[in-house]
Protein backbone atom coordinates (compact mmCIF):
# COMPACT_ATOMS: atom_id res chain seq x y z
CA MET A 1 41.30 49.85 -83.86
CA THR A 2 38.42 51.96 -82.58
CA PHE A 3 38.62 53.62 -79.29
CA ALA A 4 35.63 53.55 -76.86
CA PRO A 5 35.54 55.17 -73.32
CA PRO A 6 34.57 53.14 -70.56
CA LEU A 7 30.90 52.95 -69.29
CA ARG A 8 30.57 54.34 -65.89
CA SER A 9 27.76 52.12 -64.23
CA PHE A 10 25.31 53.53 -61.45
CA GLN A 11 22.25 51.78 -60.28
CA SER A 12 19.22 53.84 -58.47
CA LEU A 13 18.67 52.67 -54.92
CA TRP A 14 14.76 53.42 -55.87
CA ALA A 15 15.51 50.73 -58.27
CA MET A 16 16.54 48.46 -55.37
CA GLU A 17 13.26 48.89 -53.43
CA ASP A 18 11.33 45.62 -53.15
CA LEU A 19 13.96 43.39 -54.32
CA PRO A 20 14.10 40.59 -54.07
CA THR A 21 10.32 40.86 -53.10
CA ALA A 22 8.17 43.19 -51.56
CA ALA A 23 7.82 40.79 -48.58
CA THR A 24 11.69 40.04 -48.09
CA ALA A 25 13.32 43.39 -49.49
CA TRP A 26 17.12 43.72 -49.23
CA THR A 27 18.39 46.33 -46.31
CA LEU A 28 20.13 49.38 -47.28
CA ASP A 29 23.55 47.44 -46.20
CA GLU A 30 22.62 44.45 -48.46
CA GLN A 31 21.73 46.74 -51.31
CA ILE A 32 24.99 48.44 -50.88
CA ASP A 33 26.73 45.14 -50.54
CA LEU A 34 25.14 43.82 -53.67
CA LEU A 35 25.73 46.68 -55.80
CA ALA A 36 29.64 46.66 -55.07
CA GLY A 37 29.63 42.90 -55.50
CA ALA A 38 28.03 43.42 -58.79
CA GLY A 39 30.71 45.96 -60.15
CA TYR A 40 28.70 49.02 -60.31
CA ASP A 41 30.82 52.21 -60.35
CA GLY A 42 28.34 54.05 -58.24
CA VAL A 43 24.86 54.47 -56.52
CA ALA A 44 22.41 57.06 -57.20
CA VAL A 45 20.08 57.98 -54.49
CA ASP A 46 16.31 59.38 -55.64
CA LEU A 47 15.57 61.94 -52.67
CA GLY A 48 11.91 61.50 -54.07
CA ALA A 49 11.64 57.57 -53.50
CA ARG A 50 9.39 56.16 -50.92
CA HIS A 51 12.25 54.55 -49.00
CA ALA A 52 15.16 56.89 -49.51
CA PRO A 53 17.35 56.65 -46.60
CA ARG A 54 18.74 59.36 -44.42
CA ALA A 55 21.73 60.76 -45.43
CA ALA A 56 23.68 59.89 -42.70
CA ASP A 57 22.44 56.12 -43.01
CA LEU A 58 23.67 56.23 -46.69
CA GLU A 59 27.18 57.62 -45.77
CA ARG A 60 27.51 55.22 -43.04
CA ALA A 61 26.47 52.20 -45.35
CA LEU A 62 28.95 53.65 -48.02
CA ARG A 63 31.93 53.61 -46.04
CA GLY A 64 34.45 51.52 -46.94
CA THR A 65 33.40 51.11 -50.43
CA THR A 66 34.82 52.60 -53.72
CA LEU A 67 31.13 53.17 -54.90
CA GLU A 68 30.82 57.00 -56.34
CA ARG A 69 27.50 58.64 -55.43
CA MET A 70 24.97 60.79 -57.08
CA VAL A 71 21.90 62.57 -55.72
CA PHE A 72 18.66 62.71 -58.00
CA THR A 73 16.18 65.54 -56.58
CA PHE A 74 12.57 66.71 -57.47
CA ALA A 75 13.16 70.03 -56.38
CA GLY A 76 10.54 72.91 -57.07
CA ASN A 77 12.33 75.83 -55.17
CA ASP A 78 15.31 76.96 -53.73
CA ASP A 79 14.79 75.65 -50.49
CA GLU A 80 14.45 72.23 -51.66
CA LEU A 81 17.29 72.26 -54.17
CA ASP A 82 19.51 73.69 -51.09
CA GLU A 83 17.92 70.41 -48.88
CA ALA A 84 19.23 68.53 -51.78
CA LEU A 85 22.48 69.93 -51.74
CA ILE A 86 23.23 69.23 -48.08
CA TYR A 87 22.19 65.44 -48.46
CA ALA A 88 24.80 65.35 -51.28
CA ASP A 89 27.46 67.04 -49.08
CA VAL A 90 26.67 64.64 -46.19
CA ILE A 91 26.88 61.46 -48.60
CA GLY A 92 30.28 62.98 -50.59
CA ALA A 93 28.23 63.37 -53.63
CA HIS A 94 29.57 65.84 -56.54
CA GLU A 95 26.88 65.09 -59.05
CA MET A 96 23.27 66.11 -59.14
CA VAL A 97 20.52 64.96 -61.40
CA LEU A 98 17.51 67.57 -61.29
CA CYS A 99 13.94 66.83 -62.10
CA ALA A 100 12.75 70.31 -61.96
CA ARG A 101 9.07 70.49 -60.41
CA THR A 102 8.65 73.78 -62.08
CA PHE A 103 5.88 74.54 -64.54
CA VAL A 104 6.31 77.92 -65.90
CA GLN A 105 4.78 78.12 -69.69
CA ASP A 106 7.59 80.84 -70.98
CA VAL A 107 10.35 79.19 -72.12
CA ARG A 108 13.03 82.03 -71.15
CA GLU A 109 11.73 82.18 -67.62
CA ALA A 110 12.03 78.54 -67.38
CA ALA A 111 15.67 78.59 -68.81
CA ASP A 112 16.69 81.67 -66.39
CA LEU A 113 15.45 79.47 -63.54
CA ILE A 114 17.22 76.59 -64.61
CA SER A 115 20.27 78.18 -65.31
CA ARG A 116 20.21 79.80 -61.70
CA TRP A 117 20.04 76.45 -60.07
CA HIS A 118 22.79 75.03 -62.08
CA ASP A 119 24.83 77.95 -60.88
CA ARG A 120 23.57 77.70 -57.28
CA ALA A 121 25.10 73.86 -57.47
CA ALA A 122 28.11 74.82 -59.17
CA ALA A 123 29.03 77.19 -56.10
CA SER A 124 28.32 74.30 -53.81
CA GLY A 125 30.93 71.86 -55.73
CA VAL A 126 28.19 69.88 -57.49
CA ARG A 127 27.79 69.26 -61.26
CA LEU A 128 24.38 69.67 -62.06
CA GLU A 129 22.46 67.69 -65.11
CA LEU A 130 18.54 68.40 -65.73
CA GLU A 131 16.52 65.12 -66.28
CA THR A 132 14.11 64.46 -69.07
CA HIS A 133 11.14 63.42 -66.63
CA ARG A 134 7.30 63.52 -66.78
CA ASN A 135 5.53 66.13 -64.84
CA THR A 136 8.58 68.16 -64.67
CA VAL A 137 9.70 71.35 -66.52
CA THR A 138 10.82 68.80 -69.47
CA ASN A 139 7.58 67.00 -69.06
CA ASP A 140 6.75 68.31 -72.89
CA LEU A 141 9.33 66.91 -75.82
CA ARG A 142 8.61 70.09 -77.84
CA PHE A 143 8.93 72.40 -75.02
CA THR A 144 12.13 70.72 -73.98
CA ARG A 145 13.43 71.35 -77.44
CA ARG A 146 12.97 74.82 -77.35
CA LEU A 147 14.38 75.03 -73.79
CA LEU A 148 17.43 73.73 -74.89
CA ASP A 149 17.81 76.92 -77.49
CA GLU A 150 17.87 79.16 -74.34
CA LEU A 151 19.81 77.11 -72.09
CA ASP A 152 23.63 77.48 -71.71
CA PRO A 153 25.35 74.64 -73.74
CA ALA A 154 27.23 73.99 -70.47
CA MET A 155 23.84 72.87 -68.89
CA ARG A 156 23.70 69.33 -70.12
CA LEU A 157 20.81 66.60 -69.74
CA ALA A 158 20.31 63.46 -67.93
CA VAL A 159 18.40 61.95 -70.79
CA ASP A 160 15.79 59.16 -69.92
CA LEU A 161 13.88 58.59 -73.16
CA SER A 162 11.24 56.37 -71.62
CA HIS A 163 9.46 59.55 -70.24
CA TYR A 164 8.98 60.56 -73.66
CA ILE A 165 8.35 57.21 -75.21
CA VAL A 166 5.06 56.59 -73.08
CA GLY A 167 4.47 60.53 -72.25
CA ALA A 168 4.17 61.46 -75.81
CA GLU A 169 3.04 57.96 -77.12
CA ILE A 170 6.03 57.69 -79.75
CA PRO A 171 5.33 54.88 -82.05
CA ALA A 172 7.96 52.26 -82.76
CA GLU A 173 8.58 53.90 -85.98
CA PRO A 174 8.67 57.51 -85.19
CA SER A 175 7.86 60.26 -87.62
CA ALA A 176 10.59 62.33 -88.88
CA GLU A 177 9.54 65.33 -86.35
CA ILE A 178 9.88 63.21 -83.61
CA GLU A 179 13.28 61.96 -84.49
CA GLU A 180 14.53 65.55 -84.89
CA GLN A 181 13.25 66.51 -81.60
CA ILE A 182 14.77 63.27 -80.02
CA ALA A 183 18.20 63.89 -81.86
CA ALA A 184 18.13 67.49 -80.33
CA ILE A 185 17.74 66.24 -76.83
CA LEU A 186 20.52 63.75 -77.26
CA SER A 187 22.77 66.61 -78.39
CA ARG A 188 22.82 68.06 -75.13
CA ALA A 189 23.30 64.72 -73.15
CA GLY A 190 25.44 64.22 -70.20
CA SER A 191 24.41 60.97 -69.25
CA LEU A 192 21.90 58.46 -70.38
CA GLN A 193 19.34 56.14 -68.14
CA GLY A 194 18.36 52.76 -68.64
CA ARG A 195 14.92 51.88 -68.89
CA ILE A 196 12.70 50.28 -71.99
CA ALA A 197 9.27 52.01 -72.57
CA SER A 198 6.42 51.46 -74.95
CA ARG A 199 4.33 53.98 -76.06
CA CYS A 200 1.65 53.25 -73.20
CA GLN A 201 4.03 51.91 -70.38
CA VAL A 202 6.93 53.51 -69.07
CA GLN A 203 8.60 49.90 -68.05
CA ILE A 204 8.37 46.95 -69.88
CA PRO A 205 9.53 43.40 -69.27
CA LEU A 206 12.69 42.71 -71.64
CA HIS A 207 12.02 39.03 -72.09
CA HIS A 208 8.50 39.54 -73.89
CA ALA A 209 8.67 38.86 -77.57
CA GLY A 210 6.36 42.22 -78.01
CA SER A 211 8.87 44.36 -76.15
CA ALA A 212 11.33 43.80 -79.06
CA PRO A 213 10.48 46.99 -81.31
CA TRP A 214 10.80 49.24 -78.20
CA ILE A 215 14.23 47.66 -77.09
CA ASP A 216 15.34 48.23 -80.80
CA LEU A 217 14.26 51.91 -80.91
CA THR A 218 15.53 52.69 -77.84
CA ARG A 219 18.76 51.21 -78.03
CA ARG A 220 19.41 52.89 -81.43
CA TRP A 221 18.75 56.50 -79.57
CA TRP A 222 21.12 55.17 -76.92
CA ARG A 223 23.84 54.70 -79.76
CA ASP A 224 23.06 58.13 -80.97
CA GLY A 225 23.32 59.61 -77.56
CA PHE A 226 26.61 57.89 -76.80
CA ALA A 227 27.78 59.26 -79.94
CA GLN A 228 26.96 62.74 -79.25
CA ILE A 229 28.60 62.76 -75.79
CA ILE A 230 31.84 61.18 -77.20
CA ALA A 231 31.67 63.87 -80.06
CA ALA A 232 31.18 66.55 -77.73
CA ARG A 233 34.38 66.03 -75.90
CA THR A 234 38.04 67.41 -76.50
CA ASP A 235 40.98 65.00 -76.87
CA ASP A 236 42.15 65.37 -73.31
CA GLU A 237 38.27 64.47 -72.26
CA ARG A 238 37.94 61.34 -74.40
CA ASP A 239 39.44 58.68 -72.00
CA ARG A 240 36.42 59.83 -69.57
CA PRO A 241 34.18 57.30 -68.73
CA VAL A 242 30.27 57.66 -70.09
CA THR A 243 27.71 57.85 -67.13
CA PHE A 244 24.87 55.30 -67.41
CA VAL A 245 22.02 54.98 -64.80
CA THR A 246 20.09 51.67 -64.48
CA GLU A 247 16.55 52.70 -63.17
CA LEU A 248 14.22 50.06 -63.21
CA GLY A 249 11.58 51.05 -60.70
CA THR A 250 9.53 49.65 -58.12
CA THR A 251 5.57 49.49 -58.42
CA PRO A 252 3.95 51.24 -60.02
CA TYR A 253 6.63 51.39 -62.65
CA ALA A 254 6.95 47.88 -62.58
CA LEU A 255 4.28 45.79 -64.10
CA VAL A 256 2.67 43.02 -61.93
CA ASP A 257 0.32 39.98 -62.41
CA ALA A 258 -3.15 39.60 -60.78
CA ASP A 259 -1.40 38.33 -57.40
CA GLY A 260 0.78 41.70 -57.24
CA VAL A 261 3.95 39.51 -58.19
CA GLU A 262 6.49 41.60 -60.83
CA LEU A 263 6.53 40.16 -64.21
CA SER A 264 10.45 40.86 -64.45
CA ASP A 265 13.45 40.11 -62.38
CA ARG A 266 14.52 44.18 -62.19
CA TRP A 267 17.89 42.87 -60.60
CA ALA A 268 18.85 40.64 -63.45
CA GLU A 269 17.36 42.89 -66.17
CA ALA A 270 19.42 45.95 -64.94
CA ARG A 271 22.49 43.78 -65.56
CA LEU A 272 21.22 43.15 -69.06
CA LEU A 273 20.62 46.87 -69.81
CA LEU A 274 24.35 47.40 -68.58
CA GLU A 275 25.48 44.72 -71.22
CA TRP A 276 23.37 46.30 -73.94
CA ALA A 277 24.70 49.85 -73.03
CA GLU A 278 28.30 48.56 -73.30
CA VAL A 279 27.74 47.10 -76.61
CA ASP A 280 25.78 50.27 -77.67
CA LEU A 281 28.89 52.67 -76.56
CA THR A 282 31.33 50.79 -78.29
CA ALA A 283 29.20 50.87 -81.62
CA ALA A 284 28.83 54.47 -80.90
CA ALA A 285 32.40 55.16 -80.83
CA HIS A 286 32.86 53.04 -83.84
CA SER A 287 30.44 54.92 -85.81
CA LEU A 288 32.77 58.08 -85.15
CA SER A 289 35.92 56.06 -86.37
CA LEU A 290 37.93 57.21 -83.32
CA PRO A 291 41.39 56.20 -83.38
CA ALA A 292 42.63 54.00 -80.42
């Protein structure tokens, strides 16, 4: 029998915007009730979202629930990071994902800045992960690969592969060089994010036949990422859940028809992504042959 740690599921509030439709969107309280009722372990709030709630409003909505809290920030300087840390304190979040809006070209300089922000968050009692995201310091796959060599191994990544697949126009059958770059990224993963991209679109419908090659590629890399997360743990840590965040965004991420109607049911697809992630996490654990 193979041991597999449990999946710790978070849903982004940004992914709840304009649902069930833009005309009849769920209120914040309805969103929280739905997430709790659907069995999510936690909620992630993206401070860059169009309808990001005020910290006080989210804290109120979360009272009485068992949902854990996580903050996503697009900080570009100390003041913006501090604002996000204040927000985290108000809602009781001890984890933060940083999309670093800094564009220095020197890898060592970038690493020093990210490390300083990592320590700044830690001093506030917040564990910080650096997200792989377009139009941030990790925009370029090859630059990020070199950045990792300069960062302390304690600095983990929140890996969203969709940004690299579309940003680098990665084909469904990647080259050996791309595979090596992605493997290096996944070796530093602290958590994974759920979205399926193609080389030309960051978020594709999961029910289209043409999406199959991109689903297969992404899930293969998810399995690799889960395996890396598990393998990096000590025996005392192996029971700890593995974090996976579903983040199917509203427009312009979501594809729409000529009338502006989304082509996919993002709420249903998020549940499907979680089902796939649970299967892939178990497969990753099996590949490591960890005893139960």
